[in-house]
């Protein structure tokens, strides 16, 4: 059976981007974010549809669910909060009131290749949004949307750190899921 998502060629984890050891603040933040994005892509690569939908731990969490969740995270923080656009499909019509974890739970019924394409499209859009914000006011660029309780606007710097934190946490989940599915380890 061929994998639902092709494996990353040429050694996987070895070829992931790395943050510069002595780069500027933006290059360092973007380097860590790209490293974590590549780590997630590596963790979901080479598995069948059934493996990507599997919940092998005492949890309903799946690799395809994590991939769709991080597509949502990319769309929310870069598209909605930073840039002020509405949510992109399919997030714009999701039944959030009925299922606050819709992106995680609905992913089991999705074609993993479609979820990968969604994630890749949201990452590409996020890169464009971040580049535009960096060109405006650098890491101090304020978000278009204010926090609903405090009225504060997050800086691009904060958003990038938050995205790194999201990926780091969920890549830990992906490590455990992948090991339980096929024994693959590594971070």
Protein backbone atom coordinates (compact mmCIF):
# COMPACT_ATOMS: atom_id res chain seq x y z
CA UNK A 1 0.00 0.00 0.00
CA UNK A 2 1.43 3.37 -0.95
CA UNK A 3 1.54 6.09 1.68
CA UNK A 4 -1.20 8.70 1.82
CA UNK A 5 1.47 11.36 2.31
CA UNK A 6 4.84 10.75 0.69
CA UNK A 7 7.84 10.51 2.98
CA UNK A 8 10.38 13.32 2.90
CA UNK A 9 13.28 12.09 0.75
CA UNK A 10 16.97 12.22 1.60
CA UNK A 11 17.00 11.32 5.24
CA UNK A 12 14.04 13.26 6.65
CA UNK A 13 15.07 14.87 9.89
CA UNK A 14 18.65 15.55 8.83
CA UNK A 15 17.51 17.86 6.05
CA UNK A 16 15.22 20.08 8.12
CA UNK A 17 16.00 23.81 8.25
CA UNK A 18 17.83 25.02 11.34
CA UNK A 19 17.74 28.41 13.03
CA UNK A 20 20.96 30.37 12.63
CA UNK A 21 23.23 30.16 15.69
CA UNK A 22 24.16 33.82 15.43
CA UNK A 23 21.36 35.37 13.37
CA UNK A 24 19.22 38.38 14.05
CA UNK A 25 15.98 38.13 16.01
CA UNK A 26 13.68 37.71 13.00
CA UNK A 27 15.96 35.15 11.33
CA UNK A 28 16.18 33.17 14.57
CA UNK A 29 12.42 33.15 15.15
CA UNK A 30 11.67 32.26 11.53
CA UNK A 31 14.40 29.61 11.57
CA UNK A 32 12.87 27.87 14.58
CA UNK A 33 9.37 28.10 13.08
CA UNK A 34 10.53 26.60 9.78
CA UNK A 35 12.35 23.83 11.67
CA UNK A 36 9.16 22.92 13.52
CA UNK A 37 7.06 23.06 10.35
CA UNK A 38 9.50 20.66 8.69
CA UNK A 39 9.44 18.41 11.75
CA UNK A 40 5.66 18.06 11.53
CA UNK A 41 5.91 17.34 7.80
CA UNK A 42 8.52 14.64 8.52
CA UNK A 43 6.35 13.05 11.24
CA UNK A 44 3.33 12.62 8.94
CA UNK A 45 5.30 11.47 5.90
CA UNK A 46 5.29 7.94 4.56
CA UNK A 47 2.24 6.70 6.46
CA UNK A 48 -0.95 5.18 5.08
CA UNK A 49 -4.36 6.80 5.42
CA UNK A 50 -5.23 4.31 8.17
CA UNK A 51 -2.03 5.10 10.09
CA UNK A 52 -2.62 8.85 9.81
CA UNK A 53 -6.16 8.38 11.14
CA UNK A 54 -5.08 6.01 13.95
CA UNK A 55 -5.43 7.00 17.58
CA UNK A 56 -3.00 4.49 19.15
CA UNK A 57 -2.80 6.20 22.53
CA UNK A 58 -5.50 6.58 25.18
CA UNK A 59 -6.60 9.74 23.37
CA UNK A 60 -8.54 10.58 20.23
CA UNK A 61 -5.59 12.57 18.86
CA UNK A 62 -4.36 11.58 15.39
CA UNK A 63 -1.52 12.72 13.14
CA UNK A 64 -3.96 13.90 10.47
CA UNK A 65 -5.85 15.77 13.21
CA UNK A 66 -2.65 17.51 14.31
CA UNK A 67 -1.90 18.46 10.72
CA UNK A 68 -5.37 19.98 10.26
CA UNK A 69 -5.16 21.72 13.65
CA UNK A 70 -1.86 23.34 12.70
CA UNK A 71 -3.34 24.41 9.36
CA UNK A 72 -6.03 26.15 11.40
CA UNK A 73 -3.43 27.68 13.75
CA UNK A 74 -1.46 29.06 10.78
CA UNK A 75 -4.65 30.51 9.25
CA UNK A 76 -5.90 31.99 12.51
CA UNK A 77 -2.72 33.66 13.73
CA UNK A 78 -1.34 34.93 10.42
CA UNK A 79 -4.48 35.44 8.35
CA UNK A 80 -7.05 36.50 10.92
CA UNK A 81 -5.17 37.97 13.89
CA UNK A 82 -2.08 39.41 12.18
CA UNK A 83 -3.57 40.42 8.83
CA UNK A 84 -7.24 40.96 9.63
CA UNK A 85 -8.70 38.68 6.96
CA UNK A 86 -11.55 36.30 7.49
CA UNK A 87 -10.87 32.63 8.03
CA UNK A 88 -10.02 30.61 4.94
CA UNK A 89 -12.01 27.56 3.86
CA UNK A 90 -12.81 25.13 5.40
CA UNK A 91 -12.40 26.97 8.70
CA UNK A 92 -14.78 29.76 7.70
CA UNK A 93 -17.80 27.42 7.62
CA UNK A 94 -16.78 24.91 10.31
CA UNK A 95 -19.42 24.16 12.98
CA UNK A 96 -17.31 25.59 15.84
CA UNK A 97 -20.35 26.01 18.12
CA UNK A 98 -21.21 22.32 17.80
CA UNK A 99 -17.61 21.09 18.06
CA UNK A 100 -14.92 23.45 19.38
CA UNK A 101 -12.31 20.83 18.36
CA UNK A 102 -13.78 20.45 14.87
CA UNK A 103 -10.43 20.59 13.08
CA UNK A 104 -9.12 17.71 15.20
CA UNK A 105 -12.23 15.53 15.12
CA UNK A 106 -13.25 16.06 11.48
CA UNK A 107 -9.81 15.17 10.16
CA UNK A 108 -10.40 11.45 10.59
CA UNK A 109 -12.88 11.55 7.70
CA UNK A 110 -10.63 13.68 5.47
CA UNK A 111 -8.23 12.44 2.83
CA UNK A 112 -4.80 12.97 4.45
CA UNK A 113 -3.36 14.24 1.15
CA UNK A 114 -6.05 16.93 1.13
CA UNK A 115 -5.20 17.87 4.73
CA UNK A 116 -1.51 18.08 3.82
CA UNK A 117 -2.38 20.35 0.89
CA UNK A 118 -4.53 22.50 3.20
CA UNK A 119 -1.68 22.77 5.73
CA UNK A 120 0.82 23.61 2.99
CA UNK A 121 -1.48 26.32 1.62
CA UNK A 122 -1.95 27.86 5.06
CA UNK A 123 1.81 27.77 5.72
CA UNK A 124 2.46 29.49 2.36
CA UNK A 125 -0.13 32.17 3.17
CA UNK A 126 1.38 32.62 6.65
CA UNK A 127 4.84 33.10 5.16
CA UNK A 128 3.45 35.83 2.89
CA UNK A 129 1.65 37.50 5.81
CA UNK A 130 4.79 37.44 7.97
CA UNK A 131 6.95 38.81 5.13
CA UNK A 132 4.47 41.66 4.61
CA UNK A 133 4.40 42.45 8.33
CA UNK A 134 8.19 42.39 8.55
CA UNK A 135 8.33 44.84 5.66
CA UNK A 136 5.88 47.20 7.44
CA UNK A 137 7.16 47.53 11.01
CA UNK A 138 9.36 44.51 11.55
CA UNK A 139 8.76 42.33 14.58
CA UNK A 140 6.93 45.21 16.28
CA UNK A 141 4.12 45.11 13.68
CA UNK A 142 0.87 45.03 15.70
CA UNK A 143 -1.84 42.53 14.91
CA UNK A 144 -4.89 43.75 13.04
CA UNK A 145 -7.17 42.10 15.61
CA UNK A 146 -7.06 43.03 19.28
CA UNK A 147 -7.40 40.52 22.10
CA UNK A 148 -11.14 40.30 22.89
CA UNK A 149 -10.74 40.66 26.67
CA UNK A 150 -7.80 43.05 27.01
CA UNK A 151 -8.00 45.07 23.80
CA UNK A 152 -4.23 44.64 23.35
CA UNK A 153 -2.73 43.93 19.97
CA UNK A 154 -0.10 41.21 19.75
CA UNK A 155 3.17 42.03 18.03
CA UNK A 156 4.45 39.93 15.16
CA UNK A 157 7.21 38.88 17.55
CA UNK A 158 4.64 37.46 20.00
CA UNK A 159 2.74 35.72 17.19
CA UNK A 160 5.91 34.03 15.93
CA UNK A 161 6.86 32.86 19.41
CA UNK A 162 3.32 31.54 19.88
CA UNK A 163 3.47 29.65 16.57
CA UNK A 164 6.80 28.10 17.61
CA UNK A 165 5.22 27.10 20.93
CA UNK A 166 2.23 25.53 19.15
CA UNK A 167 4.44 23.51 16.85
CA UNK A 168 6.83 22.46 19.62
CA UNK A 169 3.98 21.17 21.78
CA UNK A 170 2.21 19.39 18.96
CA UNK A 171 5.42 17.95 17.53
CA UNK A 172 5.84 16.27 20.92
CA UNK A 173 2.41 14.73 20.42
CA UNK A 174 3.41 13.73 16.87
CA UNK A 175 6.57 12.05 18.21
CA UNK A 176 4.50 9.87 20.54
CA UNK A 177 1.86 9.05 17.93
CA UNK A 178 4.43 8.17 15.26
CA UNK A 179 6.36 5.91 17.63
CA UNK A 180 3.16 4.13 18.65
CA UNK A 181 2.14 3.68 15.01
CA UNK A 182 5.32 2.35 13.43
CA UNK A 183 8.18 2.68 15.91
CA UNK A 184 9.79 5.67 14.20
CA UNK A 185 11.53 7.90 16.71
CA UNK A 186 13.60 11.07 16.54
CA UNK A 187 12.99 14.74 16.96
